[in-house]
PDB file of N, CA and C in Angstrom:
ATOM      1  N   MET A   1      -9.220   9.019  -7.859  1.00  0.00           N
ATOM      2  CA  MET A   1      -7.379   8.513  -8.022  1.00  0.00           C
ATOM      3  C   MET A   1      -7.442   7.500  -7.589  1.00  0.00           C
ATOM      4  N   LYS A   2      -8.292   7.119  -5.985  1.00  0.00           N
ATOM      5  CA  LYS A   2      -8.192   4.924  -5.952  1.00  0.00           C
ATOM      6  C   LYS A   2      -9.234   4.799  -7.074  1.00  0.00           C
ATOM      7  N   ILE A   3     -10.592   5.046  -7.888  1.00  0.00           N
ATOM      8  CA  ILE A   3     -10.815   4.235  -8.667  1.00  0.00           C
ATOM      9  C   ILE A   3      -9.910   3.762 -10.249  1.00  0.00           C
ATOM     10  N   LYS A   4      -9.224   5.072  -9.996  1.00  0.00           N
ATOM     11  CA  LYS A   4      -8.355   5.368 -11.479  1.00  0.00           C
ATOM     12  C   LYS A   4      -7.041   4.021 -11.366  1.00  0.00           C
ATOM     13  N   ARG A   5      -6.716   3.939 -10.187  1.00  0.00           N
ATOM     14  CA  ARG A   5      -5.589   2.787  -9.742  1.00  0.00           C
ATOM     15  C   ARG A   5      -6.194   1.369  -9.171  1.00  0.00           C
ATOM     16  N   PHE A   6      -7.284   1.159  -8.915  1.00  0.00           N
ATOM     17  CA  PHE A   6      -8.240   0.816  -8.881  1.00  0.00           C
ATOM     18  C   PHE A   6      -8.086  -0.442 -10.473  1.00  0.00           C
ATOM     19  N   PHE A   7      -8.516   1.034 -11.450  1.00  0.00           N
ATOM     20  CA  PHE A   7      -9.069  -0.241 -12.589  1.00  0.00           C
ATOM     21  C   PHE A   7      -7.756   0.112 -13.271  1.00  0.00           C
ATOM     22  N   GLU A   8      -6.817   0.360 -13.012  1.00  0.00           N
ATOM     23  CA  GLU A   8      -5.685   0.155 -13.676  1.00  0.00           C
ATOM     24  C   GLU A   8      -4.974  -1.742 -13.044  1.00  0.00           C
ATOM     25  N   THR A   9      -5.311  -1.775 -12.118  1.00  0.00           N
ATOM     26  CA  THR A   9      -4.422  -2.501 -11.375  1.00  0.00           C
ATOM     27  C   THR A   9      -5.683  -3.913 -11.847  1.00  0.00           C
ATOM     28  N   PHE A  10      -6.945  -3.938 -12.055  1.00  0.00           N
ATOM     29  CA  PHE A  10      -7.553  -4.476 -12.630  1.00  0.00           C
ATOM     30  C   PHE A  10      -7.367  -5.045 -14.281  1.00  0.00           C
ATOM     31  N   VAL A  11      -6.984  -3.878 -15.147  1.00  0.00           N
ATOM     32  CA  VAL A  11      -6.816  -4.396 -16.432  1.00  0.00           C
ATOM     33  C   VAL A  11      -5.292  -5.273 -16.354  1.00  0.00           C
ATOM     34  N   ILE A  12      -4.709  -4.639 -15.644  1.00  0.00           N
ATOM     35  CA  ILE A  12      -2.996  -5.758 -15.251  1.00  0.00           C
ATOM     36  C   ILE A  12      -3.564  -7.365 -14.954  1.00  0.00           C
ATOM     37  N   CYS A  13      -4.055  -7.075 -14.241  1.00  0.00           N
ATOM     38  CA  CYS A  13      -4.397  -8.915 -13.209  1.00  0.00           C
ATOM     39  C   CYS A  13      -5.404  -9.828 -14.203  1.00  0.00           C
ATOM     40  N   PHE A  14      -6.254  -8.631 -14.812  1.00  0.00           N
ATOM     41  CA  PHE A  14      -7.016  -9.425 -16.053  1.00  0.00           C
ATOM     42  C   PHE A  14      -6.007  -9.862 -17.533  1.00  0.00           C
ATOM     43  N   ILE A  15      -5.129  -8.842 -17.672  1.00  0.00           N
ATOM     44  CA  ILE A  15      -3.548  -8.890 -18.979  1.00  0.00           C
ATOM     45  C   ILE A  15      -3.338 -10.305 -18.478  1.00  0.00           C
ATOM     46  N   MET A  16      -2.934 -10.819 -17.282  1.00  0.00           N
ATOM     47  CA  MET A  16      -2.011 -11.405 -16.796  1.00  0.00           C
ATOM     48  C   MET A  16      -2.864 -12.844 -16.754  1.00  0.00           C
ATOM     49  N   CYS A  17      -4.327 -12.983 -16.143  1.00  0.00           N
ATOM     50  CA  CYS A  17      -5.289 -14.089 -16.043  1.00  0.00           C
ATOM     51  C   CYS A  17      -4.964 -14.608 -17.519  1.00  0.00           C
ATOM     52  N   ILE A  18      -5.634 -13.948 -18.705  1.00  0.00           N
ATOM     53  CA  ILE A  18      -5.164 -13.992 -20.189  1.00  0.00           C
ATOM     54  C   ILE A  18      -4.694 -14.874 -19.969  1.00  0.00           C
ATOM     55  N   ILE A  19      -3.328 -14.403 -19.931  1.00  0.00           N
ATOM     56  CA  ILE A  19      -1.851 -14.887 -20.404  1.00  0.00           C
ATOM     57  C   ILE A  19      -1.818 -16.218 -19.777  1.00  0.00           C
ATOM     58  N   LEU A  20      -1.840 -16.397 -18.392  1.00  0.00           N
ATOM     59  CA  LEU A  20      -2.051 -17.446 -17.511  1.00  0.00           C
ATOM     60  C   LEU A  20      -3.006 -18.456 -18.289  1.00  0.00           C
ATOM     61  N   LEU A  21      -4.087 -18.069 -18.673  1.00  0.00           N
ATOM     62  CA  LEU A  21      -5.260 -19.489 -19.584  1.00  0.00           C
ATOM     63  C   LEU A  21      -4.949 -19.892 -20.396  1.00  0.00           C
ATOM     64  N   PHE A  22      -3.939 -18.711 -21.230  1.00  0.00           N
ATOM     65  CA  PHE A  22      -3.387 -19.167 -22.692  1.00  0.00           C
ATOM     66  C   PHE A  22      -2.232 -20.245 -22.610  1.00  0.00           C
ATOM     67  N   PHE A  23      -1.437 -20.204 -21.120  1.00  0.00           N
ATOM     68  CA  PHE A  23      -0.722 -20.553 -21.626  1.00  0.00           C
ATOM     69  C   PHE A  23      -0.684 -22.177 -20.723  1.00  0.00           C
ATOM     70  N   GLY A  24      -2.140 -21.866 -19.774  1.00  0.00           N
ATOM     71  CA  GLY A  24      -1.930 -23.531 -18.926  1.00  0.00           C
ATOM     72  C   GLY A  24      -2.800 -23.864 -19.283  1.00  0.00           C
ATOM     73  N   ALA A  25      -3.289 -23.260 -20.147  1.00  0.00           N
ATOM     74  CA  ALA A  25      -4.207 -24.511 -21.053  1.00  0.00           C
ATOM     75  C   ALA A  25      -5.847 -24.781 -20.298  1.00  0.00           C
ATOM     76  N   LEU A  26      -5.745 -23.953 -19.614  1.00  0.00           N
ATOM     77  CA  LEU A  26      -6.884 -24.597 -17.902  1.00  0.00           C
ATOM     78  C   LEU A  26      -8.167 -24.215 -19.874  1.00  0.00           C
ATOM     79  N   ILE A  27      -8.906 -25.106 -19.004  1.00  0.00           N
ATOM     80  CA  ILE A  27     -10.590 -25.291 -19.843  1.00  0.00           C
ATOM     81  C   ILE A  27     -11.844 -25.038 -18.941  1.00  0.00           C
ATOM     82  N   PHE A  28     -12.721 -24.084 -19.057  1.00  0.00           N
ATOM     83  CA  PHE A  28     -13.295 -24.000 -18.173  1.00  0.00           C
ATOM     84  C   PHE A  28     -14.578 -23.479 -19.673  1.00  0.00           C
ATOM     85  N   GLN A  29     -16.358 -23.199 -18.696  1.00  0.00           N
ATOM     86  CA  GLN A  29     -17.215 -23.065 -20.106  1.00  0.00           C
ATOM     87  C   GLN A  29     -17.347 -21.814 -20.440  1.00  0.00           C
ATOM     88  N   SER A  30     -16.856 -20.765 -19.473  1.00  0.00           N
ATOM     89  CA  SER A  30     -17.392 -19.790 -19.869  1.00  0.00           C
ATOM     90  C   SER A  30     -15.865 -19.245 -19.315  1.00  0.00           C
ATOM     91  N   VAL A  31     -14.741 -18.616 -19.905  1.00  0.00           N
ATOM     92  CA  VAL A  31     -13.379 -18.080 -19.834  1.00  0.00           C
ATOM     93  C   VAL A  31     -13.210 -17.222 -19.647  1.00  0.00           C
ATOM     94  N   ILE A  32     -14.153 -16.523 -20.252  1.00  0.00           N
ATOM     95  CA  ILE A  32     -13.731 -14.749 -19.746  1.00  0.00           C
ATOM     96  C   ILE A  32     -14.598 -14.521 -18.257  1.00  0.00           C
ATOM     97  N   ALA A  33     -15.902 -15.000 -18.365  1.00  0.00           N
ATOM     98  CA  ALA A  33     -16.406 -15.231 -17.219  1.00  0.00           C
ATOM     99  C   ALA A  33     -15.397 -15.254 -16.065  1.00  0.00           C
ATOM    100  N   THR A  34     -14.219 -16.715 -15.888  1.00  0.00           N
ATOM    101  CA  THR A  34     -13.411 -17.739 -14.982  1.00  0.00           C
ATOM    102  C   THR A  34     -12.380 -16.131 -14.895  1.00  0.00           C
ATOM    103  N   ILE A  35     -11.760 -15.958 -16.342  1.00  0.00           N
ATOM    104  CA  ILE A  35     -10.324 -14.179 -16.010  1.00  0.00           C
ATOM    105  C   ILE A  35     -11.323 -13.589 -14.828  1.00  0.00           C
ATOM    106  N   ALA A  36     -12.805 -13.205 -15.549  1.00  0.00           N
ATOM    107  CA  ALA A  36     -13.131 -11.787 -14.923  1.00  0.00           C
ATOM    108  C   ALA A  36     -13.077 -11.961 -13.389  1.00  0.00           C
ATOM    109  N   THR A  37     -13.180 -12.779 -13.182  1.00  0.00           N
ATOM    110  CA  THR A  37     -13.467 -13.386 -11.741  1.00  0.00           C
ATOM    111  C   THR A  37     -11.954 -13.149 -10.573  1.00  0.00           C
ATOM    112  N   VAL A  38     -11.114 -13.898 -11.806  1.00  0.00           N
ATOM    113  CA  VAL A  38      -9.655 -14.298 -11.346  1.00  0.00           C
ATOM    114  C   VAL A  38      -9.379 -12.522 -11.154  1.00  0.00           C
ATOM    115  N   ALA A  39      -9.734 -12.147 -12.131  1.00  0.00           N
ATOM    116  CA  ALA A  39      -8.812 -11.061 -12.335  1.00  0.00           C
ATOM    117  C   ALA A  39      -9.256  -9.975 -11.305  1.00  0.00           C
ATOM    118  N   LEU A  40     -10.676  -9.934 -10.759  1.00  0.00           N
ATOM    119  CA  LEU A  40     -11.393  -8.931  -9.674  1.00  0.00           C
ATOM    120  C   LEU A  40     -10.670  -9.352  -8.221  1.00  0.00           C
ATOM    121  N   PHE A  41     -10.664 -10.687  -7.995  1.00  0.00           N
ATOM    122  CA  PHE A  41     -10.018 -11.155  -6.544  1.00  0.00           C
ATOM    123  C   PHE A  41      -8.861 -10.713  -6.139  1.00  0.00           C
ATOM    124  N   PHE A  42      -8.163 -10.452  -7.672  1.00  0.00           N
ATOM    125  CA  PHE A  42      -6.710 -10.343  -7.097  1.00  0.00           C
ATOM    126  C   PHE A  42      -6.458  -8.881  -7.472  1.00  0.00           C
ATOM    127  N   THR A  43      -7.648  -8.155  -7.637  1.00  0.00           N
ATOM    128  CA  THR A  43      -7.441  -6.427  -8.021  1.00  0.00           C
ATOM    129  C   THR A  43      -7.305  -6.622  -6.649  1.00  0.00           C
ATOM    130  N   ILE A  44      -8.493  -6.965  -6.312  1.00  0.00           N
ATOM    131  CA  ILE A  44      -8.957  -6.615  -4.487  1.00  0.00           C
ATOM    132  C   ILE A  44      -8.071  -6.782  -3.771  1.00  0.00           C
ATOM    133  N   LEU A  45      -7.115  -8.056  -3.535  1.00  0.00           N
ATOM    134  CA  LEU A  45      -5.757  -8.586  -2.795  1.00  0.00           C
ATOM    135  C   LEU A  45      -4.796  -7.387  -3.152  1.00  0.00           C
ATOM    136  N   ILE A  46      -5.066  -6.775  -4.458  1.00  0.00           N
ATOM    137  CA  ILE A  46      -3.214  -5.815  -4.417  1.00  0.00           C
ATOM    138  C   ILE A  46      -4.402  -4.483  -4.313  1.00  0.00           C
ATOM    139  N   SER A  47      -5.469  -4.037  -4.614  1.00  0.00           N
ATOM    140  CA  SER A  47      -5.651  -2.555  -4.389  1.00  0.00           C
ATOM    141  C   SER A  47      -5.087  -2.451  -2.342  1.00  0.00           C
ATOM    142  N   ILE A  48      -5.954  -3.760  -1.914  1.00  0.00           N
ATOM    143  CA  ILE A  48      -5.734  -3.187   0.319  1.00  0.00           C
ATOM    144  C   ILE A  48      -4.422  -3.439   0.364  1.00  0.00           C
ATOM    145  N   TYR A  49      -3.047  -4.420  -0.914  1.00  0.00           N
ATOM    146  CA  TYR A  49      -2.117  -3.940  -0.255  1.00  0.00           C
ATOM    147  C   TYR A  49      -1.677  -2.681  -1.334  1.00  0.00           C
ATOM    148  N   ILE A  50      -1.981  -1.938  -1.892  1.00  0.00           N
ATOM    149  CA  ILE A  50      -1.588  -1.161  -1.863  1.00  0.00           C
ATOM    150  C   ILE A  50      -1.144   0.201  -1.164  1.00  0.00           C
ATOM    151  N   GLU A  51      -2.873   0.065  -0.866  1.00  0.00           N
ATOM    152  CA  GLU A  51      -3.587   1.010   0.216  1.00  0.00           C
ATOM    153  C   GLU A  51      -2.967   0.896   1.322  1.00  0.00           C
ATOM    154  N   LEU A  52      -2.255  -0.465   1.775  1.00  0.00           N
ATOM    155  CA  LEU A  52      -1.815  -0.157   3.538  1.00  0.00           C
ATOM    156  C   LEU A  52      -0.691   0.129   2.932  1.00  0.00           C
ATOM    157  N   GLN A  53      -0.031  -0.230   1.962  1.00  0.00           N
ATOM    158  CA  GLN A  53       1.381   0.958   2.065  1.00  0.00           C
ATOM    159  C   GLN A  53       1.636   1.941   1.394  1.00  0.00           C
ATOM    160  N   THR A  54       0.410   3.114   1.311  1.00  0.00           N
ATOM    161  CA  THR A  54       0.430   4.632   0.657  1.00  0.00           C
ATOM    162  C   THR A  54       0.241   4.747   2.960  1.00  0.00           C
ATOM    163  N   LYS A  55      -0.382   4.378   3.029  1.00  0.00           N
ATOM    164  CA  LYS A  55      -0.382   4.689   4.391  1.00  0.00           C
ATOM    165  C   LYS A  55       0.299   4.370   5.296  1.00  0.00           C
ATOM    166  N   ILE A  56       1.084   3.393   5.253  1.00  0.00           N
ATOM    167  CA  ILE A  56       2.164   3.359   5.986  1.00  0.00           C
ATOM    168  C   ILE A  56       3.644   4.465   5.561  1.00  0.00           C
ATOM    169  N   GLU A  57       3.733   4.817   4.475  1.00  0.00           N
ATOM    170  CA  GLU A  57       4.356   5.940   4.340  1.00  0.00           C
ATOM    171  C   GLU A  57       3.705   7.079   4.560  1.00  0.00           C
ATOM    172  N   GLU A  58       2.774   7.577   4.344  1.00  0.00           N
ATOM    173  CA  GLU A  58       2.015   8.798   4.923  1.00  0.00           C
ATOM    174  C   GLU A  58       2.341   8.776   6.413  1.00  0.00           C
ATOM    175  N   LEU A  59       2.378   6.874   7.241  1.00  0.00           N
ATOM    176  CA  LEU A  59       2.706   7.488   8.698  1.00  0.00           C
ATOM    177  C   LEU A  59       4.390   7.628   9.157  1.00  0.00           C
ATOM    178  N   GLU A  60       5.022   7.418   8.065  1.00  0.00           N
ATOM    179  CA  GLU A  60       6.773   7.328   8.476  1.00  0.00           C
ATOM    180  C   GLU A  60       6.681   8.939   8.068  1.00  0.00           C
ATOM    181  N   ASN A  61       6.529   9.262   7.059  1.00  0.00           N
ATOM    182  CA  ASN A  61       6.703  10.666   6.888  1.00  0.00           C
ATOM    183  C   ASN A  61       6.017  11.035   8.167  1.00  0.00           C
ATOM    184  N   ARG A  62       5.019  11.390   8.503  1.00  0.00           N
ATOM    185  CA  ARG A  62       4.424  12.275  10.082  1.00  0.00           C
ATOM    186  C   ARG A  62       5.810  11.965  11.297  1.00  0.00           C
ATOM    187  N   ILE A  63       5.507  10.546  11.365  1.00  0.00           N
ATOM    188  CA  ILE A  63       6.550  10.519  12.155  1.00  0.00           C
ATOM    189  C   ILE A  63       8.398  11.255  11.858  1.00  0.00           C
ATOM    190  N   LYS A  64       8.249  10.989  11.132  1.00  0.00           N
ATOM    191  CA  LYS A  64      10.146  11.746  10.176  1.00  0.00           C
ATOM    192  C   LYS A  64       9.565  13.607  10.608  1.00  0.00           C
ATOM    193  N   ALA A  65       8.544  13.945  10.452  1.00  0.00           N
ATOM    194  CA  ALA A  65       8.212  15.302  10.301  1.00  0.00           C
ATOM    195  C   ALA A  65       7.859  15.681  12.422  1.00  0.00           C
ATOM    196  N   LEU A  66       7.437  14.677  13.317  1.00  0.00           N
ATOM    197  CA  LEU A  66       7.818  14.755  14.736  1.00  0.00           C
ATOM    198  C   LEU A  66       9.206  14.726  15.786  1.00  0.00           C
ATOM    199  N   GLU A  67      10.280  13.672  14.433  1.00  0.00           N
ATOM    200  CA  GLU A  67      10.969  13.607  15.235  1.00  0.00           C
ATOM    201  C   GLU A  67      11.998  15.190  15.484  1.00  0.00           C
ATOM    202  N   PRO A  68      12.051  15.720  14.598  1.00  0.00           N
ATOM    203  CA  PRO A  68      13.173  17.180  15.272  1.00  0.00           C
ATOM    204  C   PRO A  68      11.986  17.548  16.718  1.00  0.00           C
ATOM    205  N   LEU A  69      10.768  17.616  16.508  1.00  0.00           N
ATOM    206  CA  LEU A  69      10.449  17.984  18.065  1.00  0.00           C
ATOM    207  C   LEU A  69      10.602  17.363  18.663  1.00  0.00           C
ATOM    208  N   GLU A  70      10.647  16.154  18.927  1.00  0.00           N
ATOM    209  CA  GLU A  70      11.539  14.954  20.265  1.00  0.00           C
ATOM    210  C   GLU A  70      12.917  15.491  20.884  1.00  0.00           C
ATOM    211  N   GLU A  71      13.453  15.593  19.629  1.00  0.00           N
ATOM    212  CA  GLU A  71      14.957  16.659  19.577  1.00  0.00           C
ATOM    213  C   GLU A  71      15.395  17.451  20.821  1.00  0.00           C
ATOM    214  N   GLN A  72      14.199  18.440  20.238  1.00  0.00           N
ATOM    215  CA  GLN A  72      13.932  19.881  20.617  1.00  0.00           C
ATOM    216  C   GLN A  72      13.302  19.924  21.923  1.00  0.00           C
ATOM    217  N   ASP A  73      12.491  19.317  22.129  1.00  0.00           N
ATOM    218  CA  ASP A  73      11.815  18.896  23.426  1.00  0.00           C
ATOM    219  C   ASP A  73      13.107  18.490  24.961  1.00  0.00           C
ATOM    220  N   GLU A  74      14.042  17.275  24.087  1.00  0.00           N
ATOM    221  CA  GLU A  74      14.761  16.671  25.457  1.00  0.00           C
ATOM    222  C   GLU A  74      15.522  17.655  25.063  1.00  0.00           C
ATOM    223  N   ALA A  75      16.245  18.465  24.054  1.00  0.00           N
ATOM    224  CA  ALA A  75      16.866  19.264  24.332  1.00  0.00           C
ATOM    225  C   ALA A  75      16.852  20.069  25.949  1.00  0.00           C
ATOM    226  N   VAL A  76      15.745  20.745  25.577  1.00  0.00           N
ATOM    227  CA  VAL A  76      14.584  21.543  26.852  1.00  0.00           C
ATOM    228  C   VAL A  76      14.559  21.002  28.196  1.00  0.00           C
ATOM    229  N   VAL A  77      14.579  19.719  28.042  1.00  0.00           N
ATOM    230  CA  VAL A  77      14.388  19.280  29.734  1.00  0.00           C
ATOM    231  C   VAL A  77      15.888  18.874  29.815  1.00  0.00           C
ATOM    232  N   MET A  78      16.594  18.879  28.931  1.00  0.00           N
ATOM    233  CA  MET A  78      18.131  18.346  29.523  1.00  0.00           C
ATOM    234  C   MET A  78      18.321  19.887  30.014  1.00  0.00           C
ATOM    235  N   GLN A  79      18.100  20.919  29.674  1.00  0.00           N
ATOM    236  CA  GLN A  79      18.639  22.250  30.120  1.00  0.00           C
ATOM    237  C   GLN A  79      18.085  22.399  31.186  1.00  0.00           C
ATOM    238  N   GLU A  80      16.562  22.312  31.045  1.00  0.00           N
ATOM    239  CA  GLU A  80      15.903  22.780  32.450  1.00  0.00           C
ATOM    240  C   GLU A  80      16.148  21.688  34.011  1.00  0.00           C
ATOM    241  N   ASN A  81      17.031  20.514  33.747  1.00  0.00           N
ATOM    242  CA  ASN A  81      17.359  19.592  34.915  1.00  0.00           C
ATOM    243  C   ASN A  81      18.922  20.646  34.955  1.00  0.00           C
ATOM    244  N   GLU A  82      19.611  20.430  34.068  1.00  0.00           N
ATOM    245  CA  GLU A  82      20.971  21.391  34.443  1.00  0.00           C
ATOM    246  C   GLU A  82      20.454  22.699  35.069  1.00  0.00           C
ATOM    247  N   ASN A  83      19.566  23.122  34.698  1.00  0.00           N
ATOM    248  CA  ASN A  83      19.345  24.633  35.635  1.00  0.00           C
ATOM    249  C   ASN A  83      18.834  23.809  37.480  1.00  0.00           C
ATOM    250  N   LYS A  84      18.655  22.796  37.100  1.00  0.00           N
ATOM    251  CA  LYS A  84      17.873  22.777  38.733  1.00  0.00           C
ATOM    252  C   LYS A  84      19.020  22.067  38.992  1.00  0.00           C
ATOM    253  N   LEU A  85      19.926  21.584  38.419  1.00  0.00           N
ATOM    254  CA  LEU A  85      21.513  20.984  39.370  1.00  0.00           C
ATOM    255  C   LEU A  85      21.946  22.362  39.965  1.00  0.00           C
ATOM    256  N   VAL A  86      21.944  23.858  39.178  1.00  0.00           N
ATOM    257  CA  VAL A  86      23.154  24.860  39.370  1.00  0.00           C
ATOM    258  C   VAL A  86      22.126  25.039  40.644  1.00  0.00           C
TER     259      VAL A  86
END
């Protein structure tokens, strides 16, 4: 799945670089090699960002799953404290 996402990102970046090259009228000796290099660089950066975003979402889900447990623990502690006072 990660390789597929990486390849999709690479293709998108490659197409964007072709468009930028066309409209920017940049002149290099090997246009395709330049586009591929720039697209690869952008793909790596974007893939790292997407992976970090996915990890953050997973952590948020884990925290949300743990929050009800914390509330239950707090209720038990409060009830124990009330029992000690009585």
